[in-house]
Amino acid sequence: MKSPLSHLLAALAVCAVILAGYGAAYAAVAAESASVAALESQIGAATATANRIASARAALAEIAGDEAAVQAYFVPESAIVAFINALEERGRAQGASVSVASVSAQTVKAHPMLALALTVTGTFGAVMRTVGSVEYAPYDLAISTLSVGQDAKSGWRADLTLSVGSALSAATTTLAAPGAVAPAR
């Protein structure tokens, strides 16, 4: 039979081995836990970045639509003929005749503008309705001079000069898919 001291020493040795194993296992689990926490932090940062990118894309898409709406208020130099035709059509719709005396490009405070001189003839009501229709047209437009008088043929005549905001060309916004390369311009 063995002495109780040998049993105690054997039990202490087993306990020391178990505690050492527990400490090593605890250290390994703690290291893996720190690694997982670091990965979780990276995933959170990547998710936040992806959310910001998605938000920016949505904002750009909305701004692109707004940009197109704003660009509609300007007359590109390439579309001046269509704009003049639209002015003449406004006059015909009101029962008046619109003729364009001159068109010139100018710059006002670094903004491109087109200056037009128009003559509107017809009955007084038709002339005034046409002038109002031109003034309130959906363009960046301002009437700088207006003179109304009776024409020799017992009709009325309005001579006006106006300036309308111009755009050199319509800007376009291209949204590329994540990871895609945007096309060269």
C-alpha atoms as a PDB file:
ATOM      1  CA  MET A   1       0.000   0.000   0.000  1.00  0.00           C
ATOM      2  CA  LYS A   2       1.221   3.402  -0.788  1.00  0.00           C
ATOM      3  CA  SER A   3       1.526   6.196   1.622  1.00  0.00           C
ATOM      4  CA  PRO A   4      -1.010   9.001   1.714  1.00  0.00           C
ATOM      5  CA  LEU A   5       1.728  11.468   0.833  1.00  0.00           C
ATOM      6  CA  SER A   6       2.363   9.748  -2.485  1.00  0.00           C
ATOM      7  CA  HIS A   7      -1.371   9.875  -3.221  1.00  0.00           C
ATOM      8  CA  LEU A   8      -1.380  13.586  -2.402  1.00  0.00           C
ATOM      9  CA  LEU A   9       1.641  14.262  -4.615  1.00  0.00           C
ATOM     10  CA  ALA A  10       0.125  12.269  -7.469  1.00  0.00           C
ATOM     11  CA  ALA A  11      -3.150  14.175  -7.100  1.00  0.00           C
ATOM     12  CA  LEU A  12      -1.279  17.510  -7.065  1.00  0.00           C
ATOM     13  CA  ALA A  13       0.674  16.505 -10.181  1.00  0.00           C
ATOM     14  CA  VAL A  14      -2.538  15.554 -12.005  1.00  0.00           C
ATOM     15  CA  CYS A  15      -4.153  18.807 -10.843  1.00  0.00           C
ATOM     16  CA  ALA A  16      -1.142  20.831 -12.074  1.00  0.00           C
ATOM     17  CA  VAL A  17      -1.273  19.097 -15.463  1.00  0.00           C
ATOM     18  CA  ILE A  18      -5.015  19.759 -15.738  1.00  0.00           C
ATOM     19  CA  LEU A  19      -4.575  23.439 -14.759  1.00  0.00           C
ATOM     20  CA  ALA A  20      -1.742  23.855 -17.292  1.00  0.00           C
ATOM     21  CA  GLY A  21      -3.912  22.276 -20.003  1.00  0.00           C
ATOM     22  CA  TYR A  22      -6.837  24.499 -19.026  1.00  0.00           C
ATOM     23  CA  GLY A  23      -4.603  27.598 -19.158  1.00  0.00           C
ATOM     24  CA  ALA A  24      -3.277  26.645 -22.592  1.00  0.00           C
ATOM     25  CA  ALA A  25      -6.781  25.943 -23.888  1.00  0.00           C
ATOM     26  CA  TYR A  26      -8.025  29.241 -22.408  1.00  0.00           C
ATOM     27  CA  ALA A  27      -5.179  31.151 -24.102  1.00  0.00           C
ATOM     28  CA  ALA A  28      -5.948  29.489 -27.446  1.00  0.00           C
ATOM     29  CA  VAL A  29      -9.660  30.303 -27.143  1.00  0.00           C
ATOM     30  CA  ALA A  30      -8.842  33.918 -26.154  1.00  0.00           C
ATOM     31  CA  ALA A  31      -6.550  34.289 -29.189  1.00  0.00           C
ATOM     32  CA  GLU A  32      -9.220  32.899 -31.510  1.00  0.00           C
ATOM     33  CA  SER A  33     -11.817  35.167 -29.864  1.00  0.00           C
ATOM     34  CA  ALA A  34      -9.606  38.198 -30.536  1.00  0.00           C
ATOM     35  CA  SER A  35      -9.165  37.038 -34.129  1.00  0.00           C
ATOM     36  CA  VAL A  36     -12.938  36.658 -34.533  1.00  0.00           C
ATOM     37  CA  ALA A  37     -13.481  40.111 -33.009  1.00  0.00           C
ATOM     38  CA  ALA A  38     -11.002  41.611 -35.482  1.00  0.00           C
ATOM     39  CA  LEU A  39     -12.758  39.865 -38.395  1.00  0.00           C
ATOM     40  CA  GLU A  40     -16.127  41.070 -37.103  1.00  0.00           C
ATOM     41  CA  SER A  41     -14.765  44.625 -36.981  1.00  0.00           C
ATOM     42  CA  GLN A  42     -13.490  44.319 -40.569  1.00  0.00           C
ATOM     43  CA  ILE A  43     -16.860  42.939 -41.714  1.00  0.00           C
ATOM     44  CA  GLY A  44     -18.629  45.817 -39.979  1.00  0.00           C
ATOM     45  CA  ALA A  45     -16.346  48.349 -41.660  1.00  0.00           C
ATOM     46  CA  ALA A  46     -16.848  46.701 -45.061  1.00  0.00           C
ATOM     47  CA  THR A  47     -20.628  46.652 -44.547  1.00  0.00           C
ATOM     48  CA  ALA A  48     -20.614  50.330 -43.555  1.00  0.00           C
ATOM     49  CA  THR A  49     -18.538  51.157 -46.639  1.00  0.00           C
ATOM     50  CA  ALA A  50     -20.910  49.187 -48.867  1.00  0.00           C
ATOM     51  CA  ASN A  51     -23.885  51.012 -47.328  1.00  0.00           C
ATOM     52  CA  ARG A  52     -22.211  54.399 -47.936  1.00  0.00           C
ATOM     53  CA  ILE A  53     -21.473  53.414 -51.527  1.00  0.00           C
ATOM     54  CA  ALA A  54     -25.066  52.318 -52.071  1.00  0.00           C
ATOM     55  CA  SER A  55     -26.301  55.556 -50.541  1.00  0.00           C
ATOM     56  CA  ALA A  56     -23.964  57.584 -52.748  1.00  0.00           C
ATOM     57  CA  ARG A  57     -25.133  55.683 -55.846  1.00  0.00           C
ATOM     58  CA  ALA A  58     -28.760  56.354 -54.958  1.00  0.00           C
ATOM     59  CA  ALA A  59     -27.982  60.033 -54.404  1.00  0.00           C
ATOM     60  CA  LEU A  60     -26.141  60.200 -57.742  1.00  0.00           C
ATOM     61  CA  ALA A  61     -29.058  58.561 -59.531  1.00  0.00           C
ATOM     62  CA  GLU A  62     -31.448  61.064 -57.957  1.00  0.00           C
ATOM     63  CA  ILE A  63     -29.148  63.961 -58.797  1.00  0.00           C
ATOM     64  CA  ALA A  64     -28.856  62.740 -62.392  1.00  0.00           C
ATOM     65  CA  GLY A  65     -32.634  62.904 -62.713  1.00  0.00           C
ATOM     66  CA  ASP A  66     -32.632  66.358 -61.146  1.00  0.00           C
ATOM     67  CA  GLU A  67     -29.833  67.421 -63.460  1.00  0.00           C
ATOM     68  CA  ALA A  68     -31.865  66.380 -66.486  1.00  0.00           C
ATOM     69  CA  ALA A  69     -34.845  68.352 -65.171  1.00  0.00           C
ATOM     70  CA  VAL A  70     -32.706  71.449 -64.631  1.00  0.00           C
ATOM     71  CA  GLN A  71     -31.027  71.095 -68.042  1.00  0.00           C
ATOM     72  CA  ALA A  72     -34.495  71.262 -69.636  1.00  0.00           C
ATOM     73  CA  TYR A  73     -34.680  74.938 -68.575  1.00  0.00           C
ATOM     74  CA  PHE A  74     -31.696  75.801 -70.782  1.00  0.00           C
ATOM     75  CA  VAL A  75     -31.521  75.980 -74.560  1.00  0.00           C
ATOM     76  CA  PRO A  76     -28.389  74.412 -76.027  1.00  0.00           C
ATOM     77  CA  GLU A  77     -26.904  76.329 -78.939  1.00  0.00           C
ATOM     78  CA  SER A  78     -27.559  73.288 -81.110  1.00  0.00           C
ATOM     79  CA  ALA A  79     -31.317  73.487 -80.357  1.00  0.00           C
ATOM     80  CA  ILE A  80     -31.904  77.184 -81.018  1.00  0.00           C
ATOM     81  CA  VAL A  81     -33.887  76.461 -84.196  1.00  0.00           C
ATOM     82  CA  ALA A  82     -36.268  74.194 -82.296  1.00  0.00           C
ATOM     83  CA  PHE A  83     -36.599  76.883 -79.599  1.00  0.00           C
ATOM     84  CA  ILE A  84     -37.445  79.538 -82.206  1.00  0.00           C
ATOM     85  CA  ASN A  85     -39.992  77.181 -83.784  1.00  0.00           C
ATOM     86  CA  ALA A  86     -41.525  76.668 -80.331  1.00  0.00           C
ATOM     87  CA  LEU A  87     -41.795  80.449 -79.857  1.00  0.00           C
ATOM     88  CA  GLU A  88     -43.499  80.804 -83.239  1.00  0.00           C
ATOM     89  CA  GLU A  89     -45.868  77.959 -82.315  1.00  0.00           C
ATOM     90  CA  ARG A  90     -46.734  79.743 -79.040  1.00  0.00           C
ATOM     91  CA  GLY A  91     -47.678  82.786 -81.078  1.00  0.00           C
ATOM     92  CA  ARG A  92     -49.825  80.781 -83.504  1.00  0.00           C
ATOM     93  CA  ALA A  93     -51.574  79.097 -80.564  1.00  0.00           C
ATOM     94  CA  GLN A  94     -52.538  82.546 -79.242  1.00  0.00           C
ATOM     95  CA  GLY A  95     -53.573  83.869 -82.673  1.00  0.00           C
ATOM     96  CA  ALA A  96     -50.512  86.063 -83.234  1.00  0.00           C
ATOM     97  CA  SER A  97     -47.510  85.974 -85.520  1.00  0.00           C
ATOM     98  CA  VAL A  98     -44.009  85.767 -84.033  1.00  0.00           C
ATOM     99  CA  SER A  99     -40.950  86.621 -86.082  1.00  0.00           C
ATOM    100  CA  VAL A 100     -37.364  86.547 -84.895  1.00  0.00           C
ATOM    101  CA  ALA A 101     -35.276  89.560 -85.872  1.00  0.00           C
ATOM    102  CA  SER A 102     -31.955  88.431 -84.431  1.00  0.00           C
ATOM    103  CA  VAL A 103     -30.238  85.795 -82.328  1.00  0.00           C
ATOM    104  CA  SER A 104     -26.841  86.179 -80.709  1.00  0.00           C
ATOM    105  CA  ALA A 105     -24.780  84.287 -78.176  1.00  0.00           C
ATOM    106  CA  GLN A 106     -23.500  86.184 -75.150  1.00  0.00           C
ATOM    107  CA  THR A 107     -22.079  85.549 -71.706  1.00  0.00           C
ATOM    108  CA  VAL A 108     -23.561  87.138 -68.598  1.00  0.00           C
ATOM    109  CA  LYS A 109     -21.614  86.679 -65.361  1.00  0.00           C
ATOM    110  CA  ALA A 110     -19.823  83.632 -66.803  1.00  0.00           C
ATOM    111  CA  HIS A 111     -23.122  82.001 -67.843  1.00  0.00           C
ATOM    112  CA  PRO A 112     -23.800  81.399 -71.535  1.00  0.00           C
ATOM    113  CA  MET A 113     -26.966  83.121 -72.761  1.00  0.00           C
ATOM    114  CA  LEU A 114     -28.747  83.560 -76.065  1.00  0.00           C
ATOM    115  CA  ALA A 115     -30.166  87.012 -76.843  1.00  0.00           C
ATOM    116  CA  LEU A 116     -33.201  87.130 -79.135  1.00  0.00           C
ATOM    117  CA  ALA A 117     -35.110  90.047 -80.649  1.00  0.00           C
ATOM    118  CA  LEU A 118     -38.731  89.161 -81.444  1.00  0.00           C
ATOM    119  CA  THR A 119     -41.652  90.905 -83.094  1.00  0.00           C
ATOM    120  CA  VAL A 120     -45.175  89.780 -82.271  1.00  0.00           C
ATOM    121  CA  THR A 121     -48.082  91.009 -84.421  1.00  0.00           C
ATOM    122  CA  GLY A 122     -51.819  90.440 -84.204  1.00  0.00           C
ATOM    123  CA  THR A 123     -54.776  91.655 -82.190  1.00  0.00           C
ATOM    124  CA  PHE A 124     -54.033  93.323 -78.855  1.00  0.00           C
ATOM    125  CA  GLY A 125     -55.253  90.299 -76.892  1.00  0.00           C
ATOM    126  CA  ALA A 126     -53.316  87.837 -79.048  1.00  0.00           C
ATOM    127  CA  VAL A 127     -50.128  89.916 -78.803  1.00  0.00           C
ATOM    128  CA  MET A 128     -50.344  90.243 -75.013  1.00  0.00           C
ATOM    129  CA  ARG A 129     -51.215  86.555 -74.524  1.00  0.00           C
ATOM    130  CA  THR A 130     -48.231  85.616 -76.698  1.00  0.00           C
ATOM    131  CA  VAL A 131     -45.885  87.896 -74.739  1.00  0.00           C
ATOM    132  CA  GLY A 132     -47.179  86.338 -71.504  1.00  0.00           C
ATOM    133  CA  SER A 133     -46.793  82.851 -72.930  1.00  0.00           C
ATOM    134  CA  VAL A 134     -43.200  83.580 -73.916  1.00  0.00           C
ATOM    135  CA  GLU A 135     -42.409  85.237 -70.576  1.00  0.00           C
ATOM    136  CA  TYR A 136     -43.726  82.304 -68.552  1.00  0.00           C
ATOM    137  CA  ALA A 137     -42.298  79.588 -70.804  1.00  0.00           C
ATOM    138  CA  PRO A 138     -40.457  76.852 -68.866  1.00  0.00           C
ATOM    139  CA  TYR A 139     -36.995  78.215 -69.630  1.00  0.00           C
ATOM    140  CA  ASP A 140     -34.352  80.311 -67.887  1.00  0.00           C
ATOM    141  CA  LEU A 141     -35.733  83.328 -69.706  1.00  0.00           C
ATOM    142  CA  ALA A 142     -35.938  87.069 -69.036  1.00  0.00           C
ATOM    143  CA  ILE A 143     -37.501  89.811 -71.139  1.00  0.00           C
ATOM    144  CA  SER A 144     -35.192  92.816 -71.089  1.00  0.00           C
ATOM    145  CA  THR A 145     -37.163  95.245 -73.276  1.00  0.00           C
ATOM    146  CA  LEU A 146     -40.754  95.347 -74.425  1.00  0.00           C
ATOM    147  CA  SER A 147     -42.550  97.951 -76.480  1.00  0.00           C
ATOM    148  CA  VAL A 148     -46.173  97.626 -77.560  1.00  0.00           C
ATOM    149  CA  GLY A 149     -47.774  99.838 -80.165  1.00  0.00           C
ATOM    150  CA  GLN A 150     -50.540  99.929 -82.713  1.00  0.00           C
ATOM    151  CA  ASP A 151     -49.472  98.809 -86.150  1.00  0.00           C
ATOM    152  CA  ALA A 152     -50.425 100.735 -89.295  1.00  0.00           C
ATOM    153  CA  LYS A 153     -52.914  98.020 -90.286  1.00  0.00           C
ATOM    154  CA  SER A 154     -55.035  98.616 -87.153  1.00  0.00           C
ATOM    155  CA  GLY A 155     -53.346  95.627 -85.561  1.00  0.00           C
ATOM    156  CA  TRP A 156     -50.904  95.587 -82.691  1.00  0.00           C
ATOM    157  CA  ARG A 157     -47.202  94.973 -82.554  1.00  0.00           C
ATOM    158  CA  ALA A 158     -44.868  94.101 -79.692  1.00  0.00           C
ATOM    159  CA  ASP A 159     -41.099  94.322 -80.063  1.00  0.00           C
ATOM    160  CA  LEU A 160     -39.208  92.533 -77.341  1.00  0.00           C
ATOM    161  CA  THR A 161     -35.717  91.399 -76.581  1.00  0.00           C
ATOM    162  CA  LEU A 162     -35.159  88.474 -74.319  1.00  0.00           C
ATOM    163  CA  SER A 163     -32.292  86.405 -73.049  1.00  0.00           C
ATOM    164  CA  VAL A 164     -32.506  82.696 -72.414  1.00  0.00           C
ATOM    165  CA  GLY A 165     -30.020  80.550 -70.510  1.00  0.00           C
ATOM    166  CA  SER A 166     -27.941  78.382 -72.773  1.00  0.00           C
ATOM    167  CA  ALA A 167     -26.002  75.189 -72.287  1.00  0.00           C
ATOM    168  CA  LEU A 168     -23.091  74.114 -74.409  1.00  0.00           C
ATOM    169  CA  SER A 169     -24.101  70.469 -74.235  1.00  0.00           C
ATOM    170  CA  ALA A 170     -26.157  68.239 -72.004  1.00  0.00           C
ATOM    171  CA  ALA A 171     -24.033  66.679 -69.271  1.00  0.00           C
ATOM    172  CA  THR A 172     -24.436  62.987 -68.639  1.00  0.00           C
ATOM    173  CA  THR A 173     -23.761  60.989 -65.531  1.00  0.00           C
ATOM    174  CA  THR A 174     -22.708  57.367 -65.871  1.00  0.00           C
ATOM    175  CA  LEU A 175     -23.022  55.016 -62.929  1.00  0.00           C
ATOM    176  CA  ALA A 176     -20.747  52.001 -63.058  1.00  0.00           C
ATOM    177  CA  ALA A 177     -21.462  48.776 -61.218  1.00  0.00           C
ATOM    178  CA  PRO A 178     -19.300  48.068 -58.165  1.00  0.00           C
ATOM    179  CA  GLY A 179     -15.908  46.832 -59.291  1.00  0.00           C
ATOM    180  CA  ALA A 180     -16.589  47.820 -62.909  1.00  0.00           C
ATOM    181  CA  VAL A 181     -14.465  50.291 -64.815  1.00  0.00           C
ATOM    182  CA  ALA A 182     -16.291  53.418 -65.991  1.00  0.00           C
ATOM    183  CA  PRO A 183     -16.162  54.010 -69.765  1.00  0.00           C
ATOM    184  CA  ALA A 184     -13.578  56.495 -71.029  1.00  0.00           C
ATOM    185  CA  ARG A 185     -14.933  59.824 -72.241  1.00  0.00           C
END
